[in-house]
C-alpha atoms as a PDB file:
ATOM      1  CA  MET A   1     -23.084  50.777  21.214  1.00  0.00           C
ATOM      2  CA  LYS A   2     -21.954  53.895  19.413  1.00  0.00           C
ATOM      3  CA  LYS A   3     -21.260  53.222  15.773  1.00  0.00           C
ATOM      4  CA  ILE A   4     -21.497  54.748  12.318  1.00  0.00           C
ATOM      5  CA  TYR A   5     -21.772  52.706   9.142  1.00  0.00           C
ATOM      6  CA  HIS A   6     -20.531  54.882   6.287  1.00  0.00           C
ATOM      7  CA  LEU A   7     -18.579  55.017   3.047  1.00  0.00           C
ATOM      8  CA  SER A   8     -15.167  56.652   3.388  1.00  0.00           C
ATOM      9  CA  THR A   9     -15.310  57.655  -0.290  1.00  0.00           C
ATOM     10  CA  CYS A  10     -18.647  59.461   0.106  1.00  0.00           C
ATOM     11  CA  GLU A  11     -18.310  63.237   0.483  1.00  0.00           C
ATOM     12  CA  THR A  12     -21.713  63.474   2.185  1.00  0.00           C
ATOM     13  CA  CYS A  13     -20.748  60.864   4.798  1.00  0.00           C
ATOM     14  CA  LYS A  14     -17.429  62.650   5.425  1.00  0.00           C
ATOM     15  CA  ARG A  15     -19.196  65.992   5.883  1.00  0.00           C
ATOM     16  CA  ILE A  16     -21.771  64.515   8.277  1.00  0.00           C
ATOM     17  CA  ILE A  17     -19.157  62.722  10.386  1.00  0.00           C
ATOM     18  CA  LYS A  18     -17.160  65.954  10.651  1.00  0.00           C
ATOM     19  CA  GLU A  19     -20.312  67.906  11.499  1.00  0.00           C
ATOM     20  CA  LEU A  20     -21.276  65.447  14.259  1.00  0.00           C
ATOM     21  CA  ASP A  21     -18.049  66.179  16.151  1.00  0.00           C
ATOM     22  CA  LEU A  22     -17.949  62.618  17.476  1.00  0.00           C
ATOM     23  CA  PRO A  23     -16.615  61.609  20.870  1.00  0.00           C
ATOM     24  CA  GLN A  24     -13.813  58.998  20.903  1.00  0.00           C
ATOM     25  CA  SER A  25     -16.323  56.328  21.979  1.00  0.00           C
ATOM     26  CA  PHE A  26     -17.740  56.105  18.437  1.00  0.00           C
ATOM     27  CA  ASN A  27     -16.658  53.271  16.180  1.00  0.00           C
ATOM     28  CA  LEU A  28     -16.641  53.963  12.426  1.00  0.00           C
ATOM     29  CA  GLN A  29     -17.145  51.153   9.915  1.00  0.00           C
ATOM     30  CA  ASP A  30     -16.446  51.764   6.248  1.00  0.00           C
ATOM     31  CA  ILE A  31     -18.969  49.403   4.654  1.00  0.00           C
ATOM     32  CA  LYS A  32     -16.972  49.164   1.427  1.00  0.00           C
ATOM     33  CA  THR A  33     -13.843  47.773   3.085  1.00  0.00           C
ATOM     34  CA  GLU A  34     -15.480  46.057   6.066  1.00  0.00           C
ATOM     35  CA  THR A  35     -18.593  44.230   4.898  1.00  0.00           C
ATOM     36  CA  ILE A  36     -21.754  44.401   6.996  1.00  0.00           C
ATOM     37  CA  THR A  37     -22.435  41.088   8.709  1.00  0.00           C
ATOM     38  CA  ALA A  38     -25.873  39.490   8.971  1.00  0.00           C
ATOM     39  CA  SER A  39     -25.849  40.050  12.747  1.00  0.00           C
ATOM     40  CA  GLN A  40     -24.945  43.745  12.333  1.00  0.00           C
ATOM     41  CA  LEU A  41     -27.760  44.154   9.824  1.00  0.00           C
ATOM     42  CA  GLU A  42     -30.158  42.338  12.154  1.00  0.00           C
ATOM     43  CA  GLU A  43     -29.211  44.710  14.964  1.00  0.00           C
ATOM     44  CA  MET A  44     -29.815  47.720  12.706  1.00  0.00           C
ATOM     45  CA  LYS A  45     -33.170  46.277  11.609  1.00  0.00           C
ATOM     46  CA  ASN A  46     -34.251  45.772  15.244  1.00  0.00           C
ATOM     47  CA  LEU A  47     -33.610  49.470  15.901  1.00  0.00           C
ATOM     48  CA  ALA A  48     -35.007  50.679  12.557  1.00  0.00           C
ATOM     49  CA  GLY A  49     -38.134  48.518  12.539  1.00  0.00           C
ATOM     50  CA  SER A  50     -37.584  46.983   9.100  1.00  0.00           C
ATOM     51  CA  TYR A  51     -34.986  46.244   6.450  1.00  0.00           C
ATOM     52  CA  GLU A  52     -36.885  48.526   4.090  1.00  0.00           C
ATOM     53  CA  ASN A  53     -36.123  51.488   6.389  1.00  0.00           C
ATOM     54  CA  LEU A  54     -32.410  50.737   5.907  1.00  0.00           C
ATOM     55  CA  PHE A  55     -32.654  50.276   2.147  1.00  0.00           C
ATOM     56  CA  SER A  56     -31.504  52.978  -0.259  1.00  0.00           C
ATOM     57  CA  LYS A  57     -33.837  53.428  -3.193  1.00  0.00           C
ATOM     58  CA  ARG A  58     -31.441  56.045  -4.557  1.00  0.00           C
ATOM     59  CA  ALA A  59     -28.682  53.505  -5.239  1.00  0.00           C
ATOM     60  CA  ARG A  60     -27.575  53.276  -8.850  1.00  0.00           C
ATOM     61  CA  LEU A  61     -27.951  49.478  -8.704  1.00  0.00           C
ATOM     62  CA  TYR A  62     -31.581  49.914  -7.609  1.00  0.00           C
ATOM     63  CA  LYS A  63     -32.278  51.624 -10.923  1.00  0.00           C
ATOM     64  CA  GLU A  64     -29.999  49.339 -12.983  1.00  0.00           C
ATOM     65  CA  LEU A  65     -31.700  46.193 -11.650  1.00  0.00           C
ATOM     66  CA  ASN A  66     -35.114  47.819 -12.177  1.00  0.00           C
ATOM     67  CA  LEU A  67     -36.072  46.980  -8.575  1.00  0.00           C
ATOM     68  CA  LYS A  68     -38.709  49.716  -8.528  1.00  0.00           C
ATOM     69  CA  GLU A  69     -40.846  47.491 -10.741  1.00  0.00           C
ATOM     70  CA  LYS A  70     -40.589  44.575  -8.320  1.00  0.00           C
ATOM     71  CA  ASN A  71     -42.582  44.004  -5.153  1.00  0.00           C
ATOM     72  CA  LEU A  72     -39.725  43.525  -2.682  1.00  0.00           C
ATOM     73  CA  SER A  73     -40.209  41.664   0.598  1.00  0.00           C
ATOM     74  CA  GLU A  74     -38.286  42.204   3.838  1.00  0.00           C
ATOM     75  CA  ALA A  75     -36.203  39.129   2.922  1.00  0.00           C
ATOM     76  CA  ASN A  76     -35.381  40.753  -0.446  1.00  0.00           C
ATOM     77  CA  TYR A  77     -34.306  44.011   1.214  1.00  0.00           C
ATOM     78  CA  LYS A  78     -32.124  42.074   3.648  1.00  0.00           C
ATOM     79  CA  SER A  79     -30.433  39.995   0.951  1.00  0.00           C
ATOM     80  CA  TYR A  80     -29.786  43.008  -1.307  1.00  0.00           C
ATOM     81  CA  ILE A  81     -28.184  44.969   1.552  1.00  0.00           C
ATOM     82  CA  LEU A  82     -25.993  41.999   2.486  1.00  0.00           C
ATOM     83  CA  GLU A  83     -25.148  41.380  -1.180  1.00  0.00           C
ATOM     84  CA  HIS A  84     -23.930  44.906  -1.937  1.00  0.00           C
ATOM     85  CA  TYR A  85     -23.058  47.792   0.384  1.00  0.00           C
ATOM     86  CA  THR A  86     -24.593  50.360  -1.963  1.00  0.00           C
ATOM     87  CA  PHE A  87     -28.091  49.276  -0.888  1.00  0.00           C
ATOM     88  CA  LEU A  88     -27.593  50.485   2.701  1.00  0.00           C
ATOM     89  CA  LYS A  89     -28.956  53.992   3.191  1.00  0.00           C
ATOM     90  CA  ARG A  90     -26.015  55.992   4.523  1.00  0.00           C
ATOM     91  CA  PRO A  91     -24.834  56.903   6.979  1.00  0.00           C
ATOM     92  CA  VAL A  92     -26.389  54.721   9.668  1.00  0.00           C
ATOM     93  CA  ILE A  93     -25.662  56.220  13.066  1.00  0.00           C
ATOM     94  CA  ILE A  94     -26.253  54.128  16.175  1.00  0.00           C
ATOM     95  CA  ASN A  95     -26.128  55.906  19.512  1.00  0.00           C
ATOM     96  CA  ASN A  96     -26.853  53.282  22.184  1.00  0.00           C
ATOM     97  CA  ASN A  97     -30.458  52.218  21.445  1.00  0.00           C
ATOM     98  CA  GLN A  98     -31.194  55.009  18.948  1.00  0.00           C
ATOM     99  CA  ILE A  99     -30.709  54.771  15.192  1.00  0.00           C
ATOM    100  CA  PHE A 100     -30.458  57.568  12.649  1.00  0.00           C
ATOM    101  CA  ILE A 101     -30.608  56.561   8.994  1.00  0.00           C
ATOM    102  CA  GLY A 102     -29.648  58.640   5.998  1.00  0.00           C
ATOM    103  CA  ASN A 103     -28.374  62.109   5.358  1.00  0.00           C
ATOM    104  CA  SER A 104     -31.401  64.384   5.612  1.00  0.00           C
ATOM    105  CA  LYS A 105     -30.762  67.583   7.533  1.00  0.00           C
ATOM    106  CA  LYS A 106     -33.443  66.635  10.072  1.00  0.00           C
ATOM    107  CA  THR A 107     -31.881  63.197  10.690  1.00  0.00           C
ATOM    108  CA  VAL A 108     -28.369  64.614  11.069  1.00  0.00           C
ATOM    109  CA  GLU A 109     -29.574  67.298  13.506  1.00  0.00           C
ATOM    110  CA  ALA A 110     -31.447  64.696  15.602  1.00  0.00           C
ATOM    111  CA  ALA A 111     -28.328  62.494  15.673  1.00  0.00           C
ATOM    112  CA  LYS A 112     -26.109  65.409  16.661  1.00  0.00           C
ATOM    113  CA  GLN A 113     -28.462  66.322  19.487  1.00  0.00           C
ATOM    114  CA  ALA A 114     -28.660  62.723  20.760  1.00  0.00           C
ATOM    115  CA  ILE A 115     -24.876  62.261  20.632  1.00  0.00           C
ATOM    116  CA  HIS A 116     -24.153  65.429  22.604  1.00  0.00           C
ATOM    117  CA  GLU A 117     -26.871  65.067  25.276  1.00  0.00           C
END
């Protein structure tokens, strides 16, 4: 599978998608308009190793809900991501059995290299 979970309103996601110069085989899913399903999240977790790896601790809601003060379990991370798209670290790039999470320069470069191998 070749897929990117992103926010179409996010300038960083737009820039990264443009930078990746994606082949037609990639499927883009705007997580604001097309909600992530439990099975999609499970698939991401299997590639990422944990729900925590997919969870954005930079989300405004993370701060508003004071989640930093709580000891979150994997089940908590999963339910928060399914509850609100903002908790998914973006973008999530899946290239066959590889996953690239977030927008760090290193992650984007690794994804670009994997996509164009």
